[in-house]
PDB file of N, CA and C in Angstrom:
ATOM      1  N   MET A   1       0.815  -1.196   0.000  1.00  0.00           N
ATOM      2  CA  MET A   1       0.000   0.000   0.000  1.00  0.00           C
ATOM      3  C   MET A   1       0.858   1.259   0.000  1.00  0.00           C
ATOM      4  N   GLN A   2       2.082   1.153   0.465  1.00  0.00           N
ATOM      5  CA  GLN A   2       2.946   2.317   0.460  1.00  0.00           C
ATOM      6  C   GLN A   2       3.160   2.820  -0.970  1.00  0.00           C
ATOM      7  N   PHE A   3       3.378   1.894  -1.893  1.00  0.00           N
ATOM      8  CA  PHE A   3       3.580   2.273  -3.277  1.00  0.00           C
ATOM      9  C   PHE A   3       2.380   3.053  -3.801  1.00  0.00           C
ATOM     10  N   LEU A   4       1.181   2.536  -3.561  1.00  0.00           N
ATOM     11  CA  LEU A   4      -0.035   3.202  -4.032  1.00  0.00           C
ATOM     12  C   LEU A   4      -0.183   4.571  -3.368  1.00  0.00           C
ATOM     13  N   ALA A   5       0.053   4.645  -2.088  1.00  0.00           N
ATOM     14  CA  ALA A   5      -0.069   5.918  -1.378  1.00  0.00           C
ATOM     15  C   ALA A   5       0.928   6.943  -1.917  1.00  0.00           C
ATOM     16  N   GLU A   6       2.142   6.501  -2.211  1.00  0.00           N
ATOM     17  CA  GLU A   6       3.132   7.417  -2.767  1.00  0.00           C
ATOM     18  C   GLU A   6       2.720   7.891  -4.157  1.00  0.00           C
ATOM     19  N   GLU A   7       2.168   6.981  -4.977  1.00  0.00           N
ATOM     20  CA  GLU A   7       1.711   7.363  -6.306  1.00  0.00           C
ATOM     21  C   GLU A   7       0.576   8.377  -6.229  1.00  0.00           C
ATOM     22  N   LEU A   8      -0.204   8.342  -5.156  1.00  0.00           N
ATOM     23  CA  LEU A   8      -1.308   9.279  -4.962  1.00  0.00           C
ATOM     24  C   LEU A   8      -0.882  10.504  -4.157  1.00  0.00           C
ATOM     25  N   SER A   9       0.438  10.667  -3.999  1.00  0.00           N
ATOM     26  CA  SER A   9       1.031  11.827  -3.304  1.00  0.00           C
ATOM     27  C   SER A   9       0.583  11.948  -1.863  1.00  0.00           C
ATOM     28  N   ASP A  10       0.426  10.832  -1.189  1.00  0.00           N
ATOM     29  CA  ASP A  10       0.054  10.843   0.224  1.00  0.00           C
ATOM     30  C   ASP A  10       1.292  11.182   1.049  1.00  0.00           C
ATOM     31  N   PRO A  11       1.278  12.289   1.792  1.00  0.00           N
ATOM     32  CA  PRO A  11       2.459  12.661   2.577  1.00  0.00           C
ATOM     33  C   PRO A  11       2.723  11.708   3.747  1.00  0.00           C
ATOM     34  N   GLU A  12       1.748  10.896   4.109  1.00  0.00           N
ATOM     35  CA  GLU A  12       1.916   9.964   5.227  1.00  0.00           C
ATOM     36  C   GLU A  12       2.062   8.520   4.750  1.00  0.00           C
ATOM     37  N   ALA A  13       2.543   8.313   3.528  1.00  0.00           N
ATOM     38  CA  ALA A  13       2.717   6.967   2.985  1.00  0.00           C
ATOM     39  C   ALA A  13       3.709   6.191   3.853  1.00  0.00           C
ATOM     40  N   ALA A  14       3.320   5.002   4.235  1.00  0.00           N
ATOM     41  CA  ALA A  14       4.172   4.165   5.082  1.00  0.00           C
ATOM     42  C   ALA A  14       3.895   2.702   4.758  1.00  0.00           C
ATOM     43  N   PRO A  15       4.853   1.828   5.031  1.00  0.00           N
ATOM     44  CA  PRO A  15       4.631   0.400   4.780  1.00  0.00           C
ATOM     45  C   PRO A  15       3.445  -0.121   5.589  1.00  0.00           C
ATOM     46  N   CYS A  16       2.624  -0.961   4.943  1.00  0.00           N
ATOM     47  CA  CYS A  16       1.470  -1.531   5.638  1.00  0.00           C
ATOM     48  C   CYS A  16       1.852  -2.797   6.396  1.00  0.00           C
ATOM     49  N   GLY A  17       2.920  -3.467   5.927  1.00  0.00           N
ATOM     50  CA  GLY A  17       3.351  -4.695   6.580  1.00  0.00           C
ATOM     51  C   GLY A  17       2.527  -5.906   6.196  1.00  0.00           C
ATOM     52  N   LYS A  18       1.621  -5.755   5.232  1.00  0.00           N
ATOM     53  CA  LYS A  18       0.731  -6.854   4.844  1.00  0.00           C
ATOM     54  C   LYS A  18       0.952  -7.316   3.417  1.00  0.00           C
ATOM     55  N   CYS A  19       1.248  -6.395   2.504  1.00  0.00           N
ATOM     56  CA  CYS A  19       1.354  -6.770   1.092  1.00  0.00           C
ATOM     57  C   CYS A  19       2.760  -7.284   0.767  1.00  0.00           C
ATOM     58  N   ALA A  20       2.890  -7.911  -0.393  1.00  0.00           N
ATOM     59  CA  ALA A  20       4.172  -8.489  -0.807  1.00  0.00           C
ATOM     60  C   ALA A  20       5.242  -7.421  -0.984  1.00  0.00           C
ATOM     61  N   ASN A  21       4.858  -6.217  -1.379  1.00  0.00           N
ATOM     62  CA  ASN A  21       5.852  -5.153  -1.518  1.00  0.00           C
ATOM     63  C   ASN A  21       6.445  -4.765  -0.177  1.00  0.00           C
ATOM     64  N   CYS A  22       5.645  -4.773   0.866  1.00  0.00           N
ATOM     65  CA  CYS A  22       6.130  -4.385   2.191  1.00  0.00           C
ATOM     66  C   CYS A  22       6.834  -5.526   2.920  1.00  0.00           C
ATOM     67  N   THR A  23       6.320  -6.742   2.782  1.00  0.00           N
ATOM     68  CA  THR A  23       6.902  -7.862   3.519  1.00  0.00           C
ATOM     69  C   THR A  23       8.061  -8.511   2.788  1.00  0.00           C
ATOM     70  N   GLY A  24       8.113  -8.346   1.467  1.00  0.00           N
ATOM     71  CA  GLY A  24       9.164  -8.986   0.681  1.00  0.00           C
ATOM     72  C   GLY A  24       8.860 -10.433   0.359  1.00  0.00           C
ATOM     73  N   ASP A  25       7.699 -10.948   0.773  1.00  0.00           N
ATOM     74  CA  ASP A  25       7.301 -12.330   0.481  1.00  0.00           C
ATOM     75  C   ASP A  25       6.735 -12.397  -0.932  1.00  0.00           C
ATOM     76  N   ARG A  26       7.571 -12.811  -1.856  1.00  0.00           N
ATOM     77  CA  ARG A  26       7.142 -12.891  -3.251  1.00  0.00           C
ATOM     78  C   ARG A  26       7.416 -14.281  -3.789  1.00  0.00           C
ATOM     79  N   VAL A  27       6.633 -14.658  -4.780  1.00  0.00           N
ATOM     80  CA  VAL A  27       6.883 -15.919  -5.474  1.00  0.00           C
ATOM     81  C   VAL A  27       8.067 -15.669  -6.389  1.00  0.00           C
ATOM     82  N   GLY A  28       9.094 -16.487  -6.265  1.00  0.00           N
ATOM     83  CA  GLY A  28      10.290 -16.311  -7.073  1.00  0.00           C
ATOM     84  C   GLY A  28      10.080 -16.768  -8.502  1.00  0.00           C
ATOM     85  N   ALA A  29      11.155 -16.728  -9.254  1.00  0.00           N
ATOM     86  CA  ALA A  29      11.091 -17.133 -10.657  1.00  0.00           C
ATOM     87  C   ALA A  29      10.811 -18.624 -10.784  1.00  0.00           C
ATOM     88  N   ALA A  30      11.232 -19.401  -9.800  1.00  0.00           N
ATOM     89  CA  ALA A  30      10.986 -20.849  -9.822  1.00  0.00           C
ATOM     90  C   ALA A  30       9.860 -21.163  -8.834  1.00  0.00           C
ATOM     91  N   TYR A  31       8.792 -21.746  -9.344  1.00  0.00           N
ATOM     92  CA  TYR A  31       7.669 -22.136  -8.495  1.00  0.00           C
ATOM     93  C   TYR A  31       7.087 -23.426  -9.045  1.00  0.00           C
ATOM     94  N   ALA A  32       6.353 -24.099  -8.209  1.00  0.00           N
ATOM     95  CA  ALA A  32       5.804 -25.399  -8.586  1.00  0.00           C
ATOM     96  C   ALA A  32       4.736 -25.245  -9.667  1.00  0.00           C
ATOM     97  N   ALA A  33       4.757 -26.135 -10.634  1.00  0.00           N
ATOM     98  CA  ALA A  33       3.778 -26.098 -11.729  1.00  0.00           C
ATOM     99  C   ALA A  33       2.359 -26.256 -11.205  1.00  0.00           C
ATOM    100  N   ASP A  34       2.174 -27.075 -10.158  1.00  0.00           N
ATOM    101  CA  ASP A  34       0.818 -27.256  -9.622  1.00  0.00           C
ATOM    102  C   ASP A  34       0.300 -25.972  -8.985  1.00  0.00           C
ATOM    103  N   LEU A  35       1.192 -25.147  -8.462  1.00  0.00           N
ATOM    104  CA  LEU A  35       0.784 -23.860  -7.903  1.00  0.00           C
ATOM    105  C   LEU A  35       0.267 -22.947  -9.016  1.00  0.00           C
ATOM    106  N   ALA A  36       0.946 -22.939 -10.147  1.00  0.00           N
ATOM    107  CA  ALA A  36       0.510 -22.132 -11.289  1.00  0.00           C
ATOM    108  C   ALA A  36      -0.829 -22.629 -11.823  1.00  0.00           C
ATOM    109  N   GLU A  37      -1.007 -23.943 -11.895  1.00  0.00           N
ATOM    110  CA  GLU A  37      -2.272 -24.505 -12.382  1.00  0.00           C
ATOM    111  C   GLU A  37      -3.418 -24.184 -11.439  1.00  0.00           C
ATOM    112  N   GLU A  38      -3.163 -24.252 -10.145  1.00  0.00           N
ATOM    113  CA  GLU A  38      -4.196 -23.923  -9.159  1.00  0.00           C
ATOM    114  C   GLU A  38      -4.590 -22.447  -9.260  1.00  0.00           C
ATOM    115  N   ALA A  39      -3.598 -21.580  -9.439  1.00  0.00           N
ATOM    116  CA  ALA A  39      -3.876 -20.152  -9.588  1.00  0.00           C
ATOM    117  C   ALA A  39      -4.696 -19.895 -10.852  1.00  0.00           C
ATOM    118  N   ALA A  40      -4.354 -20.565 -11.948  1.00  0.00           N
ATOM    119  CA  ALA A  40      -5.084 -20.394 -13.203  1.00  0.00           C
ATOM    120  C   ALA A  40      -6.530 -20.842 -13.057  1.00  0.00           C
ATOM    121  N   ARG A  41      -6.752 -21.983 -12.386  1.00  0.00           N
ATOM    122  CA  ARG A  41      -8.131 -22.462 -12.171  1.00  0.00           C
ATOM    123  C   ARG A  41      -8.919 -21.468 -11.328  1.00  0.00           C
ATOM    124  N   PHE A  42      -8.285 -20.921 -10.306  1.00  0.00           N
ATOM    125  CA  PHE A  42      -8.946 -19.940  -9.445  1.00  0.00           C
ATOM    126  C   PHE A  42      -9.374 -18.721 -10.258  1.00  0.00           C
ATOM    127  N   LEU A  43      -8.459 -18.206 -11.079  1.00  0.00           N
ATOM    128  CA  LEU A  43      -8.766 -17.015 -11.857  1.00  0.00           C
ATOM    129  C   LEU A  43      -9.818 -17.271 -12.920  1.00  0.00           C
ATOM    130  N   GLU A  44      -9.842 -18.466 -13.484  1.00  0.00           N
ATOM    131  CA  GLU A  44     -10.851 -18.802 -14.485  1.00  0.00           C
ATOM    132  C   GLU A  44     -12.248 -18.857 -13.875  1.00  0.00           C
ATOM    133  N   CYS A  45     -12.347 -19.251 -12.624  1.00  0.00           N
ATOM    134  CA  CYS A  45     -13.646 -19.369 -11.956  1.00  0.00           C
ATOM    135  C   CYS A  45     -14.102 -18.052 -11.327  1.00  0.00           C
ATOM    136  N   LEU A  46     -13.216 -17.101 -11.242  1.00  0.00           N
ATOM    137  CA  LEU A  46     -13.517 -15.835 -10.601  1.00  0.00           C
ATOM    138  C   LEU A  46     -14.465 -15.026 -11.472  1.00  0.00           C
ATOM    139  N   SER A  47     -15.523 -14.548 -10.881  1.00  0.00           N
ATOM    140  CA  SER A  47     -16.494 -13.754 -11.619  1.00  0.00           C
ATOM    141  C   SER A  47     -16.702 -12.432 -10.896  1.00  0.00           C
ATOM    142  N   LEU A  48     -16.341 -11.358 -11.561  1.00  0.00           N
ATOM    143  CA  LEU A  48     -16.510 -10.028 -10.985  1.00  0.00           C
ATOM    144  C   LEU A  48     -17.438  -9.224 -11.866  1.00  0.00           C
ATOM    145  N   SER A  49     -18.338  -8.511 -11.252  1.00  0.00           N
ATOM    146  CA  SER A  49     -19.205  -7.623 -12.023  1.00  0.00           C
ATOM    147  C   SER A  49     -19.143  -6.235 -11.401  1.00  0.00           C
ATOM    148  N   PHE A  50     -19.165  -5.253 -12.252  1.00  0.00           N
ATOM    149  CA  PHE A  50     -19.076  -3.879 -11.801  1.00  0.00           C
ATOM    150  C   PHE A  50     -20.274  -3.113 -12.325  1.00  0.00           C
ATOM    151  N   ASP A  51     -20.912  -2.372 -11.454  1.00  0.00           N
ATOM    152  CA  ASP A  51     -22.008  -1.501 -11.856  1.00  0.00           C
ATOM    153  C   ASP A  51     -21.428  -0.118 -12.115  1.00  0.00           C
ATOM    154  N   LEU A  52     -21.563   0.353 -13.333  1.00  0.00           N
ATOM    155  CA  LEU A  52     -21.054   1.668 -13.666  1.00  0.00           C
ATOM    156  C   LEU A  52     -22.008   2.723 -13.117  1.00  0.00           C
ATOM    157  N   LYS A  53     -21.471   3.630 -12.362  1.00  0.00           N
ATOM    158  CA  LYS A  53     -22.288   4.681 -11.775  1.00  0.00           C
ATOM    159  C   LYS A  53     -22.298   5.923 -12.658  1.00  0.00           C
ATOM    160  N   LYS A  54     -21.126   6.341 -13.092  1.00  0.00           N
ATOM    161  CA  LYS A  54     -21.017   7.537 -13.913  1.00  0.00           C
ATOM    162  C   LYS A  54     -19.969   7.283 -14.982  1.00  0.00           C
ATOM    163  N   GLN A  55     -20.079   8.008 -16.047  1.00  0.00           N
ATOM    164  CA  GLN A  55     -19.070   7.963 -17.085  1.00  0.00           C
ATOM    165  C   GLN A  55     -18.616   9.385 -17.376  1.00  0.00           C
ATOM    166  N   TRP A  56     -17.347   9.509 -17.731  1.00  0.00           N
ATOM    167  CA  TRP A  56     -16.843  10.812 -18.118  1.00  0.00           C
ATOM    168  C   TRP A  56     -17.506  11.215 -19.422  1.00  0.00           C
ATOM    169  N   PRO A  57     -17.811  12.489 -19.594  1.00  0.00           N
ATOM    170  CA  PRO A  57     -18.398  12.923 -20.866  1.00  0.00           C
ATOM    171  C   PRO A  57     -17.380  12.736 -21.983  1.00  0.00           C
ATOM    172  N   GLN A  58     -17.882  12.430 -23.153  1.00  0.00           N
ATOM    173  CA  GLN A  58     -17.005  12.233 -24.296  1.00  0.00           C
ATOM    174  C   GLN A  58     -16.522  13.592 -24.793  1.00  0.00           C
ATOM    175  N   ALA A  59     -15.214  13.730 -24.918  1.00  0.00           N
ATOM    176  CA  ALA A  59     -14.631  14.983 -25.402  1.00  0.00           C
ATOM    177  C   ALA A  59     -14.697  15.006 -26.926  1.00  0.00           C
ATOM    178  N   PRO A  60     -14.936  16.168 -27.498  1.00  0.00           N
ATOM    179  CA  PRO A  60     -14.937  16.251 -28.962  1.00  0.00           C
ATOM    180  C   PRO A  60     -13.530  16.023 -29.492  1.00  0.00           C
ATOM    181  N   CYS A  61     -13.460  15.557 -30.694  1.00  0.00           N
ATOM    182  CA  CYS A  61     -12.164  15.305 -31.313  1.00  0.00           C
ATOM    183  C   CYS A  61     -11.447  16.634 -31.521  1.00  0.00           C
ATOM    184  N   LEU A  62     -10.207  16.712 -31.067  1.00  0.00           N
ATOM    185  CA  LEU A  62      -9.478  17.969 -31.136  1.00  0.00           C
ATOM    186  C   LEU A  62      -8.628  18.095 -32.401  1.00  0.00           C
ATOM    187  N   ARG A  63      -8.496  17.021 -33.161  1.00  0.00           N
ATOM    188  CA  ARG A  63      -7.704  17.066 -34.378  1.00  0.00           C
ATOM    189  C   ARG A  63      -8.508  17.665 -35.517  1.00  0.00           C
ATOM    190  N   ALA A  64      -7.865  18.508 -36.268  1.00  0.00           N
ATOM    191  CA  ALA A  64      -8.511  19.068 -37.454  1.00  0.00           C
ATOM    192  C   ALA A  64      -8.416  18.054 -38.569  1.00  0.00           C
ATOM    193  N   SER A  65      -9.379  18.088 -39.445  1.00  0.00           N
ATOM    194  CA  SER A  65      -9.337  17.168 -40.589  1.00  0.00           C
ATOM    195  C   SER A  65      -8.236  17.635 -41.539  1.00  0.00           C
ATOM    196  N   ALA A  66      -7.844  16.771 -42.446  1.00  0.00           N
ATOM    197  CA  ALA A  66      -6.771  17.077 -43.390  1.00  0.00           C
ATOM    198  C   ALA A  66      -7.144  18.288 -44.232  1.00  0.00           C
ATOM    199  N   ALA A  67      -8.397  18.411 -44.632  1.00  0.00           N
ATOM    200  CA  ALA A  67      -8.835  19.533 -45.462  1.00  0.00           C
ATOM    201  C   ALA A  67      -8.761  20.849 -44.706  1.00  0.00           C
ATOM    202  N   GLU A  68      -9.057  20.839 -43.401  1.00  0.00           N
ATOM    203  CA  GLU A  68      -9.033  22.066 -42.617  1.00  0.00           C
ATOM    204  C   GLU A  68      -7.626  22.557 -42.371  1.00  0.00           C
ATOM    205  N   SER A  69      -6.654  21.654 -42.345  1.00  0.00           N
ATOM    206  CA  SER A  69      -5.289  22.040 -42.025  1.00  0.00           C
ATOM    207  C   SER A  69      -4.535  22.598 -43.232  1.00  0.00           C
ATOM    208  N   LEU A  70      -5.117  22.512 -44.420  1.00  0.00           N
ATOM    209  CA  LEU A  70      -4.436  23.050 -45.614  1.00  0.00           C
ATOM    210  C   LEU A  70      -4.646  24.501 -45.752  1.00  0.00           C
TER     211      LEU A  70
END
């Protein structure tokens, strides 16, 4: 979370002690194939839905057409 807080310019950004960035507990380059297969199955079964509340208004195209620029 420290990384995210710093990216958002939080002056009180500090290590959370929970995420892999703060604890240093990361899966290395070598890991068991069954672990990768289990992760893939988990992600395939994961279903997330998001309800859109608002959308940004569409900005008009700012580029002039080729004919206008001549």
